[in-house]
Amino acid sequence: KKENPNTLVLDAGDAFQGTPYFNYYGGELEYKLMSKMGYHASTIGNHEFDNGIENIAAQLEHADFKLLNANYDLKNTILDGLVKPYEIYVVNGIKIGVFGLGIELDGLVSKKLFKETKYNDPVDVTKEIVTQLKNEEQCDLVICLSHLGYNYSGQKICDLKLAQQTRNIDLIIGGHTHTFLDKPTKIENLDFKTVLVNQVGWAGLNMGRIDFYMK
């Protein structure tokens, strides 16, 4: 941020879990530290539900950043109105749309923890959100914070498939599969344009940095 003040600080989920601090503070410490570090947005990982959906709502009081998710239907939960599908950031005159996607919770997280949260197909949701960001919001750049996972065999949606099956995403910042990439993977989208897909592992071992040069 000192080198380039035009910086967005973003997280792909699972900010909770991983240390005894979460077991004791329940996420308060993580969200307070992320706020002090100047994070702009995070998405919801499966481990955010480890202490139940009510705990996510409680810890958001300590967050000075946005919690984003577009494919969880949260209207019958305590998170209704607290989580936005996307956020717009204007950085040095550049309009950047950031949206979040989460993995299917059923079979991964106990129903008693995520309660009435409903999972919607991330590809269908992405097509709607990106159309809105590009056409209505007139975004110059679109970033997806994904907790879907980097790559799976079969039909399960992952970051690579998401990039291939959609259009107008410029960058996917991924989580969940703890994938260590030395550099972003380049994927062609439906319009044969390049999408950058990046993931930097887990446990805060690495920080990813991607610079866009706008003409």
Protein backbone atom coordinates (compact mmCIF):
# COMPACT_ATOMS: atom_id res chain seq x y z
CA LYS A 1 0.00 0.00 0.00
CA LYS A 2 2.97 2.31 0.54
CA GLU A 3 4.32 1.44 -2.91
CA ASN A 4 0.92 1.86 -4.55
CA PRO A 5 -1.83 3.76 -2.69
CA ASN A 6 -4.32 2.57 -5.33
CA THR A 7 -4.57 -0.85 -3.69
CA LEU A 8 -7.51 -3.04 -2.76
CA VAL A 9 -6.93 -5.60 0.00
CA LEU A 10 -9.16 -8.64 -0.47
CA ASP A 11 -9.71 -12.04 1.16
CA ALA A 12 -11.22 -15.26 -0.22
CA GLY A 13 -12.74 -16.63 2.98
CA ASP A 14 -11.85 -18.88 5.92
CA ALA A 15 -10.54 -15.94 7.91
CA PHE A 16 -11.87 -17.86 10.91
CA GLN A 17 -10.13 -21.07 12.05
CA GLY A 18 -6.56 -22.21 12.04
CA THR A 19 -5.24 -21.00 15.40
CA PRO A 20 -6.18 -21.23 19.10
CA TYR A 21 -7.09 -17.52 18.87
CA PHE A 22 -10.25 -18.42 16.95
CA ASN A 23 -11.14 -21.08 19.51
CA TYR A 24 -10.92 -18.44 22.24
CA TYR A 25 -12.14 -15.23 20.56
CA GLY A 26 -14.49 -16.72 17.93
CA GLY A 27 -13.27 -14.54 15.07
CA GLU A 28 -13.19 -11.19 16.87
CA LEU A 29 -9.41 -11.01 16.74
CA GLU A 30 -9.23 -11.92 13.04
CA TYR A 31 -11.79 -9.32 11.99
CA LYS A 32 -10.22 -6.62 14.17
CA LEU A 33 -6.77 -7.31 12.72
CA MET A 34 -8.11 -7.40 9.15
CA SER A 35 -9.77 -4.04 9.80
CA LYS A 36 -6.52 -2.56 11.12
CA MET A 37 -4.69 -3.89 8.05
CA GLY A 38 -7.15 -2.06 5.81
CA TYR A 39 -8.99 -4.93 4.17
CA HIS A 40 -11.72 -3.80 1.82
CA ALA A 41 -13.70 -7.03 1.45
CA SER A 42 -13.83 -10.73 2.23
CA THR A 43 -16.13 -13.54 1.20
CA ILE A 44 -17.68 -16.30 3.31
CA GLY A 45 -15.69 -19.51 3.59
CA ASN A 46 -17.08 -22.73 5.06
CA HIS A 47 -15.05 -22.21 8.24
CA GLU A 48 -16.84 -18.93 8.91
CA PHE A 49 -19.71 -21.20 9.99
CA ASP A 50 -17.63 -23.17 12.53
CA ASN A 51 -19.26 -21.40 15.48
CA GLY A 52 -22.61 -21.06 13.74
CA ILE A 53 -24.17 -18.42 11.52
CA GLU A 54 -25.09 -16.27 14.55
CA ASN A 55 -21.39 -15.94 15.33
CA ILE A 56 -20.68 -14.52 11.87
CA ALA A 57 -23.27 -11.80 12.49
CA ALA A 58 -21.80 -11.07 15.93
CA GLN A 59 -18.24 -10.78 14.63
CA LEU A 60 -19.24 -8.44 11.81
CA GLU A 61 -19.51 -5.74 14.48
CA HIS A 62 -15.70 -5.83 14.54
CA ALA A 63 -15.27 -5.64 10.75
CA ASP A 64 -14.54 -2.34 8.98
CA PHE A 65 -14.72 -4.15 5.63
CA LYS A 66 -17.50 -5.71 3.57
CA LEU A 67 -18.49 -9.37 3.77
CA LEU A 68 -19.62 -10.35 0.27
CA ASN A 69 -21.52 -13.32 -1.10
CA ALA A 70 -23.80 -13.49 -4.13
CA ASN A 71 -24.81 -17.17 -4.29
CA TYR A 72 -25.99 -17.81 -0.73
CA ASP A 73 -29.66 -16.98 -0.17
CA LEU A 74 -29.54 -15.53 3.34
CA LYS A 75 -32.98 -13.93 3.51
CA ASN A 76 -34.24 -16.32 6.22
CA THR A 77 -31.10 -16.01 8.33
CA ILE A 78 -29.59 -13.56 10.79
CA LEU A 79 -27.18 -12.44 8.03
CA ASP A 80 -29.99 -11.02 5.90
CA GLY A 81 -29.01 -7.42 5.15
CA LEU A 82 -25.53 -7.81 6.65
CA VAL A 83 -23.94 -9.53 3.64
CA LYS A 84 -23.98 -7.88 0.22
CA PRO A 85 -23.62 -9.68 -3.13
CA TYR A 86 -21.10 -7.14 -4.40
CA GLU A 87 -19.45 -3.83 -3.64
CA ILE A 88 -18.21 -1.06 -5.94
CA TYR A 89 -14.87 0.62 -5.26
CA VAL A 90 -13.63 3.70 -7.14
CA VAL A 91 -9.83 3.71 -7.08
CA ASN A 92 -8.12 6.69 -8.72
CA GLY A 93 -11.05 7.07 -11.11
CA ILE A 94 -11.21 3.33 -11.94
CA LYS A 95 -14.52 1.66 -11.06
CA ILE A 96 -13.97 -1.84 -9.65
CA GLY A 97 -16.77 -4.29 -8.92
CA VAL A 98 -16.02 -7.03 -6.37
CA PHE A 99 -18.41 -9.92 -5.70
CA GLY A 100 -18.23 -13.09 -3.60
CA LEU A 101 -19.08 -16.76 -4.12
CA GLY A 102 -19.25 -19.61 -1.61
CA ILE A 103 -19.02 -23.38 -1.82
CA GLU A 104 -21.98 -25.71 -1.30
CA LEU A 105 -22.33 -26.16 2.45
CA ASP A 106 -24.52 -29.25 2.54
CA GLY A 107 -22.30 -32.23 3.35
CA LEU A 108 -19.42 -29.95 4.30
CA VAL A 109 -20.90 -28.01 7.21
CA SER A 110 -23.50 -29.18 9.72
CA LYS A 111 -27.00 -27.93 8.90
CA LYS A 112 -27.38 -26.67 12.48
CA LEU A 113 -24.49 -24.26 11.83
CA PHE A 114 -25.62 -22.73 8.52
CA LYS A 115 -29.35 -23.13 9.22
CA GLU A 116 -31.58 -21.68 6.47
CA THR A 117 -28.73 -20.62 4.18
CA LYS A 118 -29.51 -21.79 0.65
CA TYR A 119 -26.87 -22.43 -2.00
CA ASN A 120 -27.48 -21.18 -5.55
CA ASP A 121 -25.54 -22.25 -8.64
CA PRO A 122 -22.45 -20.02 -8.80
CA VAL A 123 -22.27 -19.96 -12.60
CA ASP A 124 -25.87 -18.78 -13.00
CA VAL A 125 -25.44 -16.21 -10.24
CA THR A 126 -22.16 -14.97 -11.72
CA LYS A 127 -23.73 -14.38 -15.12
CA GLU A 128 -26.40 -12.19 -13.53
CA ILE A 129 -24.01 -10.31 -11.23
CA VAL A 130 -21.39 -9.62 -13.91
CA THR A 131 -24.03 -8.34 -16.33
CA GLN A 132 -25.15 -5.96 -13.60
CA LEU A 133 -21.61 -4.86 -12.79
CA LYS A 134 -20.62 -4.25 -16.41
CA ASN A 135 -23.84 -2.87 -17.90
CA GLU A 136 -25.60 -1.12 -15.03
CA GLU A 137 -22.70 -0.20 -12.75
CA GLN A 138 -20.29 0.44 -15.67
CA CYS A 139 -17.35 -1.20 -13.91
CA ASP A 140 -13.93 -1.01 -15.54
CA LEU A 141 -12.69 -4.10 -13.68
CA VAL A 142 -14.54 -7.07 -12.16
CA ILE A 143 -13.06 -9.22 -9.39
CA CYS A 144 -14.56 -12.40 -7.93
CA LEU A 145 -13.70 -13.49 -4.39
CA SER A 146 -14.29 -17.22 -4.62
CA HIS A 147 -14.40 -19.90 -1.96
CA LEU A 148 -15.33 -22.58 -4.49
CA GLY A 149 -11.86 -24.14 -4.79
CA TYR A 150 -9.23 -23.99 -7.53
CA ASN A 151 -9.84 -27.13 -9.62
CA TYR A 152 -11.90 -30.33 -9.43
CA SER A 153 -12.38 -33.26 -11.79
CA GLY A 154 -15.93 -34.00 -12.84
CA GLN A 155 -18.75 -31.46 -12.92
CA LYS A 156 -18.21 -29.74 -9.56
CA ILE A 157 -17.81 -26.01 -10.13
CA CYS A 158 -14.39 -24.61 -9.31
CA ASP A 159 -12.54 -21.39 -10.14
CA LEU A 160 -11.19 -22.72 -13.45
CA LYS A 161 -14.63 -23.87 -14.65
CA LEU A 162 -16.20 -20.62 -13.46
CA ALA A 163 -13.74 -18.65 -15.56
CA GLN A 164 -14.40 -20.81 -18.63
CA GLN A 165 -18.18 -20.72 -18.35
CA THR A 166 -18.69 -16.98 -17.82
CA ARG A 167 -17.62 -13.64 -19.27
CA ASN A 168 -16.36 -10.26 -18.08
CA ILE A 169 -14.52 -11.45 -14.95
CA ASP A 170 -11.00 -10.05 -14.94
CA LEU A 171 -9.66 -11.75 -11.82
CA ILE A 172 -10.73 -14.61 -9.57
CA ILE A 173 -9.10 -14.62 -6.12
CA GLY A 174 -9.69 -18.12 -4.79
CA GLY A 175 -9.61 -20.06 -1.56
CA HIS A 176 -10.75 -23.34 0.02
CA THR A 177 -8.39 -25.83 -1.68
CA HIS A 178 -5.21 -24.32 -0.14
CA THR A 179 -3.60 -24.21 -3.59
CA PHE A 180 -0.16 -22.62 -3.79
CA LEU A 181 0.33 -20.84 -7.12
CA ASP A 182 3.57 -19.07 -8.03
CA LYS A 183 1.64 -16.95 -10.49
CA PRO A 184 -1.97 -16.65 -11.64
CA THR A 185 -3.41 -19.21 -14.04
CA LYS A 186 -4.67 -17.76 -17.32
CA ILE A 187 -8.02 -19.12 -18.50
CA GLU A 188 -10.05 -18.23 -21.61
CA ASN A 189 -13.64 -17.22 -20.91
CA LEU A 190 -16.70 -17.54 -23.16
CA ASP A 191 -15.50 -14.53 -25.18
CA PHE A 192 -11.97 -16.01 -25.53
CA LYS A 193 -10.64 -13.28 -23.24
CA THR A 194 -8.14 -13.98 -20.48
CA VAL A 195 -9.26 -14.42 -16.87
CA LEU A 196 -6.61 -14.48 -14.15
CA VAL A 197 -7.20 -17.13 -11.46
CA ASN A 198 -5.05 -16.87 -8.37
CA GLN A 199 -4.70 -18.58 -4.99
CA VAL A 200 -1.87 -18.24 -2.48
CA GLY A 201 -2.18 -21.29 -0.22
CA TRP A 202 -3.41 -21.06 3.34
CA ALA A 203 -2.60 -20.08 6.95
CA GLY A 204 -1.44 -16.60 5.97
CA LEU A 205 1.85 -17.99 4.67
CA ASN A 206 1.72 -15.90 1.50
CA MET A 207 0.16 -12.69 0.32
CA GLY A 208 -0.80 -12.44 -3.33
CA ARG A 209 -0.16 -9.23 -5.24
CA ILE A 210 -1.57 -8.55 -8.70
CA ASP A 211 -1.04 -5.22 -10.46
CA PHE A 212 -3.40 -4.03 -13.20
CA TYR A 213 -2.20 -1.31 -15.55
CA MET A 214 -5.17 0.57 -16.96
CA LYS A 215 -4.94 2.35 -20.31
